[in-house]
Amino acid sequence: MELRVLALYPEQMNIYADRGNILFLRRRCEWRGIGFALTPAGPGERFDPGGHDLIYIGGGQDRDQRIVAEDMRRTKREAIATAVSERTVCLAVCGGYQLLGHGYELAGERIRGLDLVDLETVRDPGPRLIGNIAIEVDVGGRRRVIAGFENHGGRTMLGAGTTALGRVISGHGNNGRDGLEGVREGTIFGTYIHGPILPKNAWLADHLIALALARRQGSVPELTELDDAFEAAAHESARRAATGG
């Protein structure tokens, strides 16, 4: 088996240490003897929608995000849409999450998104939504907790019928009002949670790996269990930081 990962705009969309998500995916695969192939795709570069099992989009500074949004619509939007329609997993964090929707406000300007998910992000005169966060999610009929850190000025609203990644236990979430965080549509996962998210939530990394491998395997593989004592401790620390207990 081999996990083929496509990192979109790794030089432009790489703040908040979220490149650690890719490193963690690599390690989880290597520890199990699963091959790992990483391909970057930057400005102006197109890609084969059938050539990858997981697409990763990080977050960037405002200036970079504006450039990336235009380039992604022009050179990659159709390939991403085709890939996710064929069950390629997509993980988008913060700015990448905002890009999945119809558009978002940036420095008084509305930037068009990819229209892959029914959501819209606006600015708010209030403060940035910053702090530790914990959310409850339902994956495969099992309730789990994702913990990490959020830092975003945008307020994201999901469209009617659009499914959130989870419900906020502690923290702000998408907009600080509706108690929802992130988005989950098919094999698309979008979130504001940094930290980076995967090292602090190893089970989620494994879930994404299994879903991605299932695209070519035909069924979701059962991954070899690992000794996750360090990962469990990191998760528990992040959860306690968010909930206070």
C-alpha atoms as a PDB file:
ATOM      1  CA  MET A   1       0.000   0.000   0.000  1.00  0.00           C
ATOM      2  CA  GLU A   2       1.033   3.592  -0.590  1.00  0.00           C
ATOM      3  CA  LEU A   3      -0.577   6.851   0.463  1.00  0.00           C
ATOM      4  CA  ARG A   4      -0.209   9.503  -2.230  1.00  0.00           C
ATOM      5  CA  VAL A   5      -0.550  13.018  -0.810  1.00  0.00           C
ATOM      6  CA  LEU A   6      -0.858  16.263  -2.762  1.00  0.00           C
ATOM      7  CA  ALA A   7       0.124  19.414  -0.846  1.00  0.00           C
ATOM      8  CA  LEU A   8      -1.356  22.519  -2.450  1.00  0.00           C
ATOM      9  CA  TYR A   9       0.712  25.715  -2.201  1.00  0.00           C
ATOM     10  CA  PRO A  10       3.061  24.422   0.528  1.00  0.00           C
ATOM     11  CA  GLU A  11       5.229  27.559   0.329  1.00  0.00           C
ATOM     12  CA  GLN A  12       2.339  30.037   0.472  1.00  0.00           C
ATOM     13  CA  MET A  13      -0.095  28.223   2.788  1.00  0.00           C
ATOM     14  CA  ASN A  14       2.080  27.047   5.657  1.00  0.00           C
ATOM     15  CA  ILE A  15       1.556  29.220   8.751  1.00  0.00           C
ATOM     16  CA  TYR A  16       0.729  28.023  12.285  1.00  0.00           C
ATOM     17  CA  ALA A  17       3.023  24.974  11.964  1.00  0.00           C
ATOM     18  CA  ASP A  18       0.318  23.120  10.061  1.00  0.00           C
ATOM     19  CA  ARG A  19       2.898  21.537   7.758  1.00  0.00           C
ATOM     20  CA  GLY A  20       3.312  19.231  10.762  1.00  0.00           C
ATOM     21  CA  ASN A  21       0.088  17.539   9.631  1.00  0.00           C
ATOM     22  CA  ILE A  22       1.836  16.155   6.563  1.00  0.00           C
ATOM     23  CA  LEU A  23       4.844  15.044   8.591  1.00  0.00           C
ATOM     24  CA  PHE A  24       2.545  13.219  10.989  1.00  0.00           C
ATOM     25  CA  LEU A  25       0.709  11.466   8.136  1.00  0.00           C
ATOM     26  CA  ARG A  26       4.073  10.354   6.790  1.00  0.00           C
ATOM     27  CA  ARG A  27       5.175   8.973  10.158  1.00  0.00           C
ATOM     28  CA  ARG A  28       1.880   7.116  10.739  1.00  0.00           C
ATOM     29  CA  CYS A  29       2.310   5.444   7.367  1.00  0.00           C
ATOM     30  CA  GLU A  30       6.012   4.657   7.773  1.00  0.00           C
ATOM     31  CA  TRP A  31       5.479   3.102  11.203  1.00  0.00           C
ATOM     32  CA  ARG A  32       3.035   0.699   9.570  1.00  0.00           C
ATOM     33  CA  GLY A  33       5.145  -0.087   6.518  1.00  0.00           C
ATOM     34  CA  ILE A  34       2.800   1.866   4.242  1.00  0.00           C
ATOM     35  CA  GLY A  35       4.487   3.778   1.433  1.00  0.00           C
ATOM     36  CA  PHE A  36       4.176   7.560   1.399  1.00  0.00           C
ATOM     37  CA  ALA A  37       4.504   9.783  -1.676  1.00  0.00           C
ATOM     38  CA  LEU A  38       4.267  13.566  -1.349  1.00  0.00           C
ATOM     39  CA  THR A  39       3.735  15.857  -4.339  1.00  0.00           C
ATOM     40  CA  PRO A  40       3.633  19.670  -4.056  1.00  0.00           C
ATOM     41  CA  ALA A  41       1.616  21.830  -6.444  1.00  0.00           C
ATOM     42  CA  GLY A  42       2.222  25.573  -6.402  1.00  0.00           C
ATOM     43  CA  PRO A  43       1.050  28.575  -8.415  1.00  0.00           C
ATOM     44  CA  GLY A  44       0.288  27.788 -12.037  1.00  0.00           C
ATOM     45  CA  GLU A  45       0.808  24.049 -11.612  1.00  0.00           C
ATOM     46  CA  ARG A  46      -1.952  21.642 -12.595  1.00  0.00           C
ATOM     47  CA  PHE A  47      -2.361  18.075 -11.374  1.00  0.00           C
ATOM     48  CA  ASP A  48      -3.962  14.785 -12.324  1.00  0.00           C
ATOM     49  CA  PRO A  49      -7.165  14.426 -10.239  1.00  0.00           C
ATOM     50  CA  GLY A  50      -6.771  10.662 -10.197  1.00  0.00           C
ATOM     51  CA  GLY A  51      -3.139  10.681  -9.124  1.00  0.00           C
ATOM     52  CA  HIS A  52      -3.556  11.305  -5.398  1.00  0.00           C
ATOM     53  CA  ASP A  53      -5.377   9.813  -2.429  1.00  0.00           C
ATOM     54  CA  LEU A  54      -5.352  12.845  -0.114  1.00  0.00           C
ATOM     55  CA  ILE A  55      -5.220  16.579  -0.847  1.00  0.00           C
ATOM     56  CA  TYR A  56      -3.965  18.956   1.841  1.00  0.00           C
ATOM     57  CA  ILE A  57      -4.569  22.728   1.914  1.00  0.00           C
ATOM     58  CA  GLY A  58      -3.114  24.796   4.741  1.00  0.00           C
ATOM     59  CA  GLY A  59      -3.597  28.420   5.752  1.00  0.00           C
ATOM     60  CA  GLY A  60      -1.693  31.518   4.712  1.00  0.00           C
ATOM     61  CA  GLN A  61      -1.207  35.219   5.284  1.00  0.00           C
ATOM     62  CA  ASP A  62      -3.825  37.514   3.747  1.00  0.00           C
ATOM     63  CA  ARG A  63      -1.631  38.551   0.804  1.00  0.00           C
ATOM     64  CA  ASP A  64      -0.679  34.987  -0.060  1.00  0.00           C
ATOM     65  CA  GLN A  65      -4.227  33.742   0.396  1.00  0.00           C
ATOM     66  CA  ARG A  66      -5.553  36.288  -2.114  1.00  0.00           C
ATOM     67  CA  ILE A  67      -3.023  35.148  -4.726  1.00  0.00           C
ATOM     68  CA  VAL A  68      -3.685  31.483  -4.007  1.00  0.00           C
ATOM     69  CA  ALA A  69      -7.456  31.870  -4.289  1.00  0.00           C
ATOM     70  CA  GLU A  70      -7.272  33.277  -7.806  1.00  0.00           C
ATOM     71  CA  ASP A  71      -4.675  30.767  -8.961  1.00  0.00           C
ATOM     72  CA  MET A  72      -6.509  27.820  -7.438  1.00  0.00           C
ATOM     73  CA  ARG A  73      -9.772  28.709  -9.184  1.00  0.00           C
ATOM     74  CA  ARG A  74      -7.936  29.071 -12.491  1.00  0.00           C
ATOM     75  CA  THR A  75      -5.576  26.093 -12.439  1.00  0.00           C
ATOM     76  CA  LYS A  76      -6.830  23.566  -9.879  1.00  0.00           C
ATOM     77  CA  ARG A  77     -10.519  23.994  -9.068  1.00  0.00           C
ATOM     78  CA  GLU A  78     -11.868  21.507 -11.601  1.00  0.00           C
ATOM     79  CA  ALA A  79      -9.249  18.907 -10.731  1.00  0.00           C
ATOM     80  CA  ILE A  80     -10.045  19.216  -7.012  1.00  0.00           C
ATOM     81  CA  ALA A  81     -13.773  18.880  -7.708  1.00  0.00           C
ATOM     82  CA  THR A  82     -13.169  15.788  -9.830  1.00  0.00           C
ATOM     83  CA  ALA A  83     -10.857  14.263  -7.232  1.00  0.00           C
ATOM     84  CA  VAL A  84     -13.279  14.627  -4.318  1.00  0.00           C
ATOM     85  CA  SER A  85     -16.148  13.331  -6.462  1.00  0.00           C
ATOM     86  CA  GLU A  86     -14.021  10.188  -6.875  1.00  0.00           C
ATOM     87  CA  ARG A  87     -13.540   9.878  -3.072  1.00  0.00           C
ATOM     88  CA  THR A  88     -10.151  11.543  -2.753  1.00  0.00           C
ATOM     89  CA  VAL A  89      -9.830  12.820   0.819  1.00  0.00           C
ATOM     90  CA  CYS A  90      -9.335  16.566   1.267  1.00  0.00           C
ATOM     91  CA  LEU A  91      -8.134  18.135   4.524  1.00  0.00           C
ATOM     92  CA  ALA A  92      -8.291  21.942   4.547  1.00  0.00           C
ATOM     93  CA  VAL A  93      -7.170  23.996   7.566  1.00  0.00           C
ATOM     94  CA  CYS A  94      -8.071  27.625   8.374  1.00  0.00           C
ATOM     95  CA  GLY A  95      -7.448  29.638   5.184  1.00  0.00           C
ATOM     96  CA  GLY A  96      -7.718  26.448   3.153  1.00  0.00           C
ATOM     97  CA  TYR A  97     -11.040  25.753   4.868  1.00  0.00           C
ATOM     98  CA  GLN A  98     -12.349  29.205   3.934  1.00  0.00           C
ATOM     99  CA  LEU A  99     -11.319  28.612   0.319  1.00  0.00           C
ATOM    100  CA  LEU A 100     -13.644  25.610   0.062  1.00  0.00           C
ATOM    101  CA  GLY A 101     -16.721  27.836   0.192  1.00  0.00           C
ATOM    102  CA  HIS A 102     -18.349  30.444  -2.018  1.00  0.00           C
ATOM    103  CA  GLY A 103     -16.174  33.299  -0.808  1.00  0.00           C
ATOM    104  CA  TYR A 104     -14.717  35.180   2.134  1.00  0.00           C
ATOM    105  CA  GLU A 105     -14.003  38.762   3.134  1.00  0.00           C
ATOM    106  CA  LEU A 106     -10.389  39.854   3.238  1.00  0.00           C
ATOM    107  CA  ALA A 107      -9.315  43.418   4.031  1.00  0.00           C
ATOM    108  CA  GLY A 108     -12.646  44.846   2.878  1.00  0.00           C
ATOM    109  CA  GLU A 109     -12.671  42.783  -0.310  1.00  0.00           C
ATOM    110  CA  ARG A 110     -14.716  39.663  -1.071  1.00  0.00           C
ATOM    111  CA  ILE A 111     -12.513  36.885  -2.424  1.00  0.00           C
ATOM    112  CA  ARG A 112     -14.191  34.174  -4.477  1.00  0.00           C
ATOM    113  CA  GLY A 113     -13.780  30.637  -3.189  1.00  0.00           C
ATOM    114  CA  LEU A 114     -13.897  27.265  -4.913  1.00  0.00           C
ATOM    115  CA  ASP A 115     -17.637  26.628  -4.439  1.00  0.00           C
ATOM    116  CA  LEU A 116     -16.922  23.062  -3.364  1.00  0.00           C
ATOM    117  CA  VAL A 117     -18.915  23.324  -0.120  1.00  0.00           C
ATOM    118  CA  ASP A 118     -21.923  25.477   0.768  1.00  0.00           C
ATOM    119  CA  LEU A 119     -20.374  27.909   3.225  1.00  0.00           C
ATOM    120  CA  GLU A 120     -19.530  31.613   3.373  1.00  0.00           C
ATOM    121  CA  THR A 121     -16.966  33.473   5.495  1.00  0.00           C
ATOM    122  CA  VAL A 122     -17.357  37.121   6.517  1.00  0.00           C
ATOM    123  CA  ARG A 123     -15.425  39.561   8.668  1.00  0.00           C
ATOM    124  CA  ASP A 124     -16.807  40.838  11.943  1.00  0.00           C
ATOM    125  CA  PRO A 125     -15.974  44.040  13.826  1.00  0.00           C
ATOM    126  CA  GLY A 126     -15.419  41.926  16.924  1.00  0.00           C
ATOM    127  CA  PRO A 127     -12.103  40.451  18.074  1.00  0.00           C
ATOM    128  CA  ARG A 128     -10.356  37.499  16.481  1.00  0.00           C
ATOM    129  CA  LEU A 129     -11.518  34.108  17.691  1.00  0.00           C
ATOM    130  CA  ILE A 130      -8.428  32.823  19.463  1.00  0.00           C
ATOM    131  CA  GLY A 131      -7.805  30.133  22.024  1.00  0.00           C
ATOM    132  CA  ASN A 132      -7.818  26.464  22.866  1.00  0.00           C
ATOM    133  CA  ILE A 133     -10.724  24.513  21.454  1.00  0.00           C
ATOM    134  CA  ALA A 134     -12.315  21.092  21.859  1.00  0.00           C
ATOM    135  CA  ILE A 135     -15.113  19.733  19.695  1.00  0.00           C
ATOM    136  CA  GLU A 136     -17.168  16.545  19.741  1.00  0.00           C
ATOM    137  CA  VAL A 137     -17.403  14.651  16.470  1.00  0.00           C
ATOM    138  CA  ASP A 138     -19.230  11.539  15.321  1.00  0.00           C
ATOM    139  CA  VAL A 139     -17.089   9.362  13.066  1.00  0.00           C
ATOM    140  CA  GLY A 140     -18.289   5.929  12.059  1.00  0.00           C
ATOM    141  CA  GLY A 141     -20.958   5.981  14.752  1.00  0.00           C
ATOM    142  CA  ARG A 142     -18.386   6.650  17.470  1.00  0.00           C
ATOM    143  CA  ARG A 143     -18.159   9.916  19.359  1.00  0.00           C
ATOM    144  CA  ARG A 144     -14.676  11.327  19.715  1.00  0.00           C
ATOM    145  CA  VAL A 145     -13.080  14.627  20.770  1.00  0.00           C
ATOM    146  CA  ILE A 146     -10.787  16.754  18.625  1.00  0.00           C
ATOM    147  CA  ALA A 147      -8.666  19.258  20.539  1.00  0.00           C
ATOM    148  CA  GLY A 148      -6.316  21.995  19.402  1.00  0.00           C
ATOM    149  CA  PHE A 149      -6.005  25.746  18.947  1.00  0.00           C
ATOM    150  CA  GLU A 150      -7.936  28.247  16.829  1.00  0.00           C
ATOM    151  CA  ASN A 151      -6.966  31.722  15.592  1.00  0.00           C
ATOM    152  CA  HIS A 152      -9.166  33.316  12.936  1.00  0.00           C
ATOM    153  CA  GLY A 153     -10.802  36.637  12.193  1.00  0.00           C
ATOM    154  CA  GLY A 154     -13.339  35.241   9.745  1.00  0.00           C
ATOM    155  CA  ARG A 155     -16.768  34.033  10.782  1.00  0.00           C
ATOM    156  CA  THR A 156     -17.904  31.044   8.744  1.00  0.00           C
ATOM    157  CA  MET A 157     -21.550  30.147   8.232  1.00  0.00           C
ATOM    158  CA  LEU A 158     -22.598  26.790   6.825  1.00  0.00           C
ATOM    159  CA  GLY A 159     -25.426  26.567   4.322  1.00  0.00           C
ATOM    160  CA  ALA A 160     -28.658  24.762   5.086  1.00  0.00           C
ATOM    161  CA  GLY A 161     -28.054  21.044   4.970  1.00  0.00           C
ATOM    162  CA  THR A 162     -24.273  21.376   5.196  1.00  0.00           C
ATOM    163  CA  THR A 163     -22.742  19.178   7.898  1.00  0.00           C
ATOM    164  CA  ALA A 164     -20.323  20.557  10.478  1.00  0.00           C
ATOM    165  CA  LEU A 165     -17.226  18.593  11.425  1.00  0.00           C
ATOM    166  CA  GLY A 166     -18.327  18.750  15.051  1.00  0.00           C
ATOM    167  CA  ARG A 167     -19.995  20.619  17.897  1.00  0.00           C
ATOM    168  CA  VAL A 168     -18.027  22.936  20.149  1.00  0.00           C
ATOM    169  CA  ILE A 169     -17.397  21.729  23.699  1.00  0.00           C
ATOM    170  CA  SER A 170     -15.157  24.667  24.524  1.00  0.00           C
ATOM    171  CA  GLY A 171     -13.919  27.480  22.309  1.00  0.00           C
ATOM    172  CA  HIS A 172     -15.410  29.525  19.479  1.00  0.00           C
ATOM    173  CA  GLY A 173     -15.745  27.334  16.398  1.00  0.00           C
ATOM    174  CA  ASN A 174     -16.884  28.574  13.011  1.00  0.00           C
ATOM    175  CA  ASN A 175     -18.320  31.885  14.137  1.00  0.00           C
ATOM    176  CA  GLY A 176     -18.552  31.994  17.924  1.00  0.00           C
ATOM    177  CA  ARG A 177     -22.344  31.815  17.858  1.00  0.00           C
ATOM    178  CA  ASP A 178     -23.869  28.626  16.496  1.00  0.00           C
ATOM    179  CA  GLY A 179     -21.739  26.078  18.373  1.00  0.00           C
ATOM    180  CA  LEU A 180     -20.466  24.418  15.199  1.00  0.00           C
ATOM    181  CA  GLU A 181     -16.895  23.863  14.021  1.00  0.00           C
ATOM    182  CA  GLY A 182     -15.562  22.980  10.601  1.00  0.00           C
ATOM    183  CA  VAL A 183     -17.292  21.125   7.801  1.00  0.00           C
ATOM    184  CA  ARG A 184     -17.577  17.494   6.739  1.00  0.00           C
ATOM    185  CA  GLU A 185     -18.980  16.798   3.294  1.00  0.00           C
ATOM    186  CA  GLY A 186     -18.247  13.332   1.904  1.00  0.00           C
ATOM    187  CA  THR A 187     -14.457  13.009   1.983  1.00  0.00           C
ATOM    188  CA  ILE A 188     -13.911  16.770   2.507  1.00  0.00           C
ATOM    189  CA  PHE A 189     -12.809  17.856   5.986  1.00  0.00           C
ATOM    190  CA  GLY A 190     -12.455  21.554   6.766  1.00  0.00           C
ATOM    191  CA  THR A 191     -11.498  23.041  10.135  1.00  0.00           C
ATOM    192  CA  TYR A 192     -10.093  26.067  11.931  1.00  0.00           C
ATOM    193  CA  ILE A 193      -8.206  23.876  14.389  1.00  0.00           C
ATOM    194  CA  HIS A 194      -4.430  24.284  14.405  1.00  0.00           C
ATOM    195  CA  GLY A 195      -1.849  22.864  16.707  1.00  0.00           C
ATOM    196  CA  PRO A 196      -1.268  21.219  14.199  1.00  0.00           C
ATOM    197  CA  ILE A 197      -4.473  19.198  14.424  1.00  0.00           C
ATOM    198  CA  LEU A 198      -3.299  15.693  13.502  1.00  0.00           C
ATOM    199  CA  PRO A 199      -0.432  15.094  15.984  1.00  0.00           C
ATOM    200  CA  LYS A 200      -2.800  16.025  18.823  1.00  0.00           C
ATOM    201  CA  ASN A 201      -5.559  13.804  17.427  1.00  0.00           C
ATOM    202  CA  ALA A 202      -3.832  10.679  16.123  1.00  0.00           C
ATOM    203  CA  TRP A 203      -7.091   8.789  15.633  1.00  0.00           C
ATOM    204  CA  LEU A 204      -8.197  11.451  13.129  1.00  0.00           C
ATOM    205  CA  ALA A 205      -4.960  11.059  11.162  1.00  0.00           C
ATOM    206  CA  ASP A 206      -5.571   7.313  11.017  1.00  0.00           C
ATOM    207  CA  HIS A 207      -9.162   7.853   9.925  1.00  0.00           C
ATOM    208  CA  LEU A 208      -8.033  10.064   7.049  1.00  0.00           C
ATOM    209  CA  ILE A 209      -5.322   7.585   6.032  1.00  0.00           C
ATOM    210  CA  ALA A 210      -7.785   4.684   5.980  1.00  0.00           C
ATOM    211  CA  LEU A 211     -10.369   6.658   3.986  1.00  0.00           C
ATOM    212  CA  ALA A 212      -7.709   7.758   1.509  1.00  0.00           C
ATOM    213  CA  LEU A 213      -6.355   4.233   1.041  1.00  0.00           C
ATOM    214  CA  ALA A 214      -9.890   2.925   0.527  1.00  0.00           C
ATOM    215  CA  ARG A 215     -10.142   4.941  -2.670  1.00  0.00           C
ATOM    216  CA  ARG A 216      -7.945   2.426  -4.508  1.00  0.00           C
ATOM    217  CA  GLN A 217      -8.285  -0.545  -2.151  1.00  0.00           C
ATOM    218  CA  GLY A 218     -12.041  -0.777  -2.670  1.00  0.00           C
ATOM    219  CA  SER A 219     -12.736  -0.963   1.071  1.00  0.00           C
ATOM    220  CA  VAL A 220     -11.503   0.800   4.199  1.00  0.00           C
ATOM    221  CA  PRO A 221      -8.416  -1.093   5.443  1.00  0.00           C
ATOM    222  CA  GLU A 222      -7.907  -1.975   9.077  1.00  0.00           C
ATOM    223  CA  LEU A 223      -4.715  -0.225  10.101  1.00  0.00           C
ATOM    224  CA  THR A 224      -2.161  -1.830  12.401  1.00  0.00           C
ATOM    225  CA  GLU A 225      -2.421  -0.472  15.935  1.00  0.00           C
ATOM    226  CA  LEU A 226       0.484   1.652  17.139  1.00  0.00           C
ATOM    227  CA  ASP A 227       1.844   2.505  20.566  1.00  0.00           C
ATOM    228  CA  ASP A 228       0.262   5.933  20.924  1.00  0.00           C
ATOM    229  CA  ALA A 229       1.260   6.796  24.482  1.00  0.00           C
ATOM    230  CA  PHE A 230       2.888  10.094  23.450  1.00  0.00           C
ATOM    231  CA  GLU A 231       0.041  10.960  21.085  1.00  0.00           C
ATOM    232  CA  ALA A 232      -2.545  10.197  23.756  1.00  0.00           C
ATOM    233  CA  ALA A 233      -0.708  12.450  26.204  1.00  0.00           C
ATOM    234  CA  ALA A 234      -0.588  15.275  23.639  1.00  0.00           C
ATOM    235  CA  HIS A 235      -4.311  14.918  23.017  1.00  0.00           C
ATOM    236  CA  GLU A 236      -5.147  14.870  26.704  1.00  0.00           C
ATOM    237  CA  SER A 237      -3.041  17.973  27.308  1.00  0.00           C
ATOM    238  CA  ALA A 238      -4.781  19.827  24.473  1.00  0.00           C
ATOM    239  CA  ARG A 239      -8.201  18.714  25.674  1.00  0.00           C
ATOM    240  CA  ARG A 240      -7.514  19.836  29.244  1.00  0.00           C
ATOM    241  CA  ALA A 241      -6.183  23.175  28.025  1.00  0.00           C
ATOM    242  CA  ALA A 242      -9.493  23.722  26.217  1.00  0.00           C
ATOM    243  CA  THR A 243     -11.940  22.410  28.792  1.00  0.00           C
ATOM    244  CA  GLY A 244     -10.073  23.032  32.043  1.00  0.00           C
ATOM    245  CA  GLY A 245     -10.526  19.481  33.219  1.00  0.00           C
END
